[in-house]
N, C-alpha and C. Protein backbone atom coordinates (compact mmCIF):
# COMPACT_ATOMS: atom_id res chain seq x y z
N UNK A 1 38.08 120.51 190.37
CA UNK A 1 38.27 120.61 188.93
C UNK A 1 39.55 119.88 188.51
N UNK A 2 39.44 119.07 187.51
CA UNK A 2 40.59 118.32 187.02
C UNK A 2 41.59 119.24 186.34
N UNK A 3 42.86 118.95 186.54
CA UNK A 3 43.90 119.66 185.80
C UNK A 3 44.28 118.89 184.56
N UNK A 4 43.85 117.66 184.49
CA UNK A 4 44.05 116.86 183.30
C UNK A 4 43.12 115.66 183.35
N UNK A 5 43.01 115.03 182.21
CA UNK A 5 42.25 113.79 182.11
C UNK A 5 42.95 112.91 181.09
N UNK A 6 42.76 111.63 181.22
CA UNK A 6 43.36 110.71 180.26
C UNK A 6 42.70 110.86 178.89
N UNK A 7 43.47 110.60 177.86
CA UNK A 7 42.96 110.59 176.49
C UNK A 7 42.34 109.22 176.23
N UNK A 8 41.13 109.23 175.66
CA UNK A 8 40.45 107.97 175.39
C UNK A 8 40.31 107.69 173.89
N UNK A 9 40.49 108.73 173.06
CA UNK A 9 40.35 108.55 171.61
C UNK A 9 41.14 109.63 170.90
N UNK A 10 41.70 109.29 169.76
CA UNK A 10 42.41 110.26 168.93
C UNK A 10 41.94 110.10 167.49
N UNK A 11 41.77 111.23 166.82
CA UNK A 11 41.40 111.23 165.41
C UNK A 11 42.43 112.07 164.66
N UNK A 12 42.98 111.50 163.60
CA UNK A 12 43.96 112.21 162.78
C UNK A 12 43.22 113.18 161.87
N UNK A 13 43.68 114.44 161.89
CA UNK A 13 43.13 115.46 161.01
C UNK A 13 44.16 115.78 159.93
N UNK A 14 44.04 116.91 159.29
CA UNK A 14 44.97 117.30 158.24
C UNK A 14 46.33 117.70 158.81
N UNK A 15 47.38 117.37 158.08
CA UNK A 15 48.72 117.75 158.50
C UNK A 15 49.08 117.09 159.83
N UNK A 16 49.60 117.90 160.73
CA UNK A 16 50.02 117.40 162.05
C UNK A 16 48.97 117.71 163.13
N UNK A 17 47.74 117.82 162.70
CA UNK A 17 46.66 118.12 163.64
C UNK A 17 45.96 116.84 164.07
N UNK A 18 45.63 116.82 165.35
CA UNK A 18 44.90 115.70 165.94
C UNK A 18 43.71 116.23 166.72
N UNK A 19 42.62 115.49 166.70
CA UNK A 19 41.49 115.77 167.59
C UNK A 19 41.60 114.78 168.73
N UNK A 20 41.68 115.32 169.94
CA UNK A 20 41.83 114.50 171.13
C UNK A 20 40.55 114.49 171.94
N UNK A 21 40.19 113.33 172.43
CA UNK A 21 39.00 113.15 173.25
C UNK A 21 39.45 112.66 174.63
N UNK A 22 39.04 113.37 175.67
CA UNK A 22 39.47 113.07 177.04
C UNK A 22 38.34 112.42 177.82
N UNK A 23 38.74 111.71 178.88
CA UNK A 23 37.78 110.94 179.68
C UNK A 23 36.74 111.81 180.37
N UNK A 24 37.01 113.10 180.55
CA UNK A 24 36.03 113.98 181.20
C UNK A 24 35.04 114.58 180.21
N UNK A 25 35.13 114.15 178.94
CA UNK A 25 34.21 114.65 177.92
C UNK A 25 34.77 115.82 177.11
N UNK A 26 35.90 116.36 177.53
CA UNK A 26 36.53 117.44 176.77
C UNK A 26 37.10 116.89 175.48
N UNK A 27 37.09 117.73 174.45
CA UNK A 27 37.77 117.36 173.22
C UNK A 27 38.21 118.63 172.53
N UNK A 28 39.20 118.49 171.68
CA UNK A 28 39.69 119.64 170.95
C UNK A 28 40.82 119.24 170.04
N UNK A 29 41.22 120.20 169.21
CA UNK A 29 42.26 119.97 168.23
C UNK A 29 43.59 120.53 168.72
N UNK A 30 44.66 119.83 168.38
CA UNK A 30 46.02 120.33 168.63
C UNK A 30 46.82 120.17 167.35
N UNK A 31 47.68 121.14 167.09
CA UNK A 31 48.60 121.08 165.96
C UNK A 31 49.98 120.79 166.53
N UNK A 32 50.41 119.54 166.45
CA UNK A 32 51.67 119.16 167.07
C UNK A 32 52.88 119.73 166.34
N UNK A 33 52.70 120.14 165.11
CA UNK A 33 53.81 120.77 164.39
C UNK A 33 54.25 122.05 165.10
N UNK A 34 53.31 122.69 165.79
CA UNK A 34 53.60 123.93 166.52
C UNK A 34 54.10 123.67 167.94
N UNK A 35 53.94 122.44 168.42
CA UNK A 35 54.19 122.16 169.83
C UNK A 35 55.42 121.32 170.12
N UNK A 36 55.87 120.53 169.16
CA UNK A 36 57.01 119.65 169.43
C UNK A 36 58.09 119.83 168.36
N UNK A 37 59.33 119.73 168.76
CA UNK A 37 60.41 119.71 167.76
C UNK A 37 60.53 118.29 167.21
N UNK A 38 60.72 118.17 165.93
CA UNK A 38 60.87 116.84 165.33
C UNK A 38 62.33 116.42 165.42
N UNK A 39 62.78 116.25 166.68
CA UNK A 39 64.16 115.86 166.97
C UNK A 39 64.12 114.72 167.99
N UNK A 40 65.23 114.01 168.08
CA UNK A 40 65.31 112.93 169.06
C UNK A 40 64.23 111.89 168.82
N UNK A 41 63.55 111.48 169.88
CA UNK A 41 62.50 110.46 169.75
C UNK A 41 61.35 110.94 168.88
N UNK A 42 61.19 112.26 168.73
CA UNK A 42 60.11 112.80 167.90
C UNK A 42 60.48 112.95 166.43
N UNK A 43 61.74 112.70 166.08
CA UNK A 43 62.18 112.86 164.69
C UNK A 43 61.35 112.06 163.69
N UNK A 44 61.03 110.77 163.96
CA UNK A 44 60.23 110.00 162.99
C UNK A 44 58.84 110.60 162.76
N UNK A 45 58.32 111.38 163.69
CA UNK A 45 57.00 111.97 163.55
C UNK A 45 56.96 113.02 162.44
N UNK A 46 58.13 113.47 162.00
CA UNK A 46 58.19 114.41 160.89
C UNK A 46 57.69 113.81 159.59
N UNK A 47 57.66 112.48 159.51
CA UNK A 47 57.10 111.76 158.37
C UNK A 47 55.60 111.60 158.64
N UNK A 48 54.77 112.25 157.82
CA UNK A 48 53.32 112.22 158.07
C UNK A 48 52.75 110.81 158.08
N UNK A 49 53.29 109.93 157.26
CA UNK A 49 52.79 108.55 157.25
C UNK A 49 53.00 107.90 158.61
N UNK A 50 54.17 108.13 159.21
CA UNK A 50 54.46 107.61 160.54
C UNK A 50 53.61 108.34 161.59
N UNK A 51 53.54 109.66 161.49
CA UNK A 51 52.76 110.47 162.43
C UNK A 51 51.31 109.99 162.50
N UNK A 52 50.76 109.67 161.34
CA UNK A 52 49.35 109.27 161.27
C UNK A 52 49.06 107.91 161.90
N UNK A 53 50.10 107.19 162.33
CA UNK A 53 49.91 105.91 163.01
C UNK A 53 49.77 106.08 164.52
N UNK A 54 49.45 107.29 164.95
CA UNK A 54 49.24 107.58 166.36
C UNK A 54 48.14 106.68 166.93
N UNK A 55 48.29 106.32 168.19
CA UNK A 55 47.27 105.52 168.86
C UNK A 55 47.20 105.91 170.33
N UNK A 56 46.12 105.52 170.98
CA UNK A 56 45.97 105.77 172.41
C UNK A 56 46.46 104.55 173.17
N UNK A 57 47.39 104.78 174.08
CA UNK A 57 47.85 103.74 175.00
C UNK A 57 47.01 103.89 176.26
N UNK A 58 46.06 103.00 176.45
CA UNK A 58 45.15 103.11 177.59
C UNK A 58 45.83 102.86 178.92
N UNK A 59 46.99 102.19 178.90
CA UNK A 59 47.71 101.95 180.15
C UNK A 59 48.25 103.26 180.75
N UNK A 60 48.62 104.20 179.88
CA UNK A 60 49.16 105.47 180.38
C UNK A 60 48.26 106.66 180.04
N UNK A 61 47.16 106.41 179.32
CA UNK A 61 46.16 107.44 179.08
C UNK A 61 46.58 108.56 178.16
N UNK A 62 47.43 108.24 177.19
CA UNK A 62 47.86 109.29 176.27
C UNK A 62 48.14 108.72 174.89
N UNK A 63 48.47 109.62 173.97
CA UNK A 63 48.79 109.21 172.60
C UNK A 63 50.24 108.77 172.50
N UNK A 64 50.47 107.77 171.64
CA UNK A 64 51.81 107.20 171.46
C UNK A 64 52.02 106.86 170.00
N UNK A 65 53.27 106.59 169.70
CA UNK A 65 53.66 106.10 168.38
C UNK A 65 54.48 104.83 168.55
N UNK A 66 54.64 104.11 167.46
CA UNK A 66 55.31 102.80 167.50
C UNK A 66 56.75 102.87 167.99
N UNK A 67 57.40 104.02 167.86
CA UNK A 67 58.80 104.13 168.29
C UNK A 67 58.94 104.44 169.78
N UNK A 68 57.81 104.53 170.50
CA UNK A 68 57.85 104.80 171.93
C UNK A 68 57.64 106.26 172.28
N UNK A 69 57.53 107.13 171.29
CA UNK A 69 57.26 108.54 171.56
C UNK A 69 55.85 108.70 172.14
N UNK A 70 55.74 109.57 173.12
CA UNK A 70 54.42 109.91 173.65
C UNK A 70 54.48 111.33 174.20
N UNK A 71 53.31 111.87 174.49
CA UNK A 71 53.20 113.20 175.07
C UNK A 71 52.33 113.10 176.30
N UNK A 72 52.66 113.85 177.33
CA UNK A 72 51.91 113.72 178.58
C UNK A 72 50.47 114.20 178.38
N UNK A 73 49.53 113.47 178.97
CA UNK A 73 48.13 113.90 178.85
C UNK A 73 47.91 115.25 179.52
N UNK A 74 48.68 115.57 180.55
CA UNK A 74 48.54 116.88 181.22
C UNK A 74 48.88 118.01 180.25
N UNK A 75 49.97 117.85 179.52
CA UNK A 75 50.38 118.86 178.54
C UNK A 75 49.32 119.02 177.46
N UNK A 76 48.85 117.91 176.92
CA UNK A 76 47.85 117.97 175.85
C UNK A 76 46.53 118.53 176.35
N UNK A 77 46.14 118.17 177.56
CA UNK A 77 44.90 118.69 178.15
C UNK A 77 44.98 120.20 178.30
N UNK A 78 46.14 120.69 178.74
CA UNK A 78 46.31 122.14 178.92
C UNK A 78 46.23 122.85 177.57
N UNK A 79 46.74 122.23 176.52
CA UNK A 79 46.67 122.83 175.19
C UNK A 79 45.22 122.91 174.72
N UNK A 80 44.45 121.88 174.96
CA UNK A 80 43.04 121.87 174.58
C UNK A 80 42.28 122.95 175.36
N UNK A 81 42.50 123.00 176.68
CA UNK A 81 41.80 123.97 177.51
C UNK A 81 42.18 125.40 177.14
N UNK A 82 43.43 125.64 176.75
CA UNK A 82 43.86 126.98 176.35
C UNK A 82 43.25 127.40 175.02
N UNK A 83 42.84 126.43 174.19
CA UNK A 83 42.28 126.74 172.89
C UNK A 83 40.78 126.97 172.93
N UNK A 84 40.14 126.64 174.04
CA UNK A 84 38.69 126.82 174.16
C UNK A 84 38.41 128.28 174.51
N UNK A 85 37.57 128.87 173.71
CA UNK A 85 37.22 130.29 173.94
C UNK A 85 36.01 130.40 174.86
């Protein structure tokens, strides 16, 4: 059983919510406002216009922003799996 999978697609939802699609077929929503502090490299993400420019970096298999901020796919995968009932 995989403990994580790379992210292959991201869809921006309302606010700071994203729908993440993983290579193993798993998908789910995460609210990053609840998971990350908007400080340091994550400070620009506090601006929704900037936040909504999220993209998948296929080289590292996770979501990124233009300023170099990213989140580990393992962390995001665990959040998705914890939200599945």
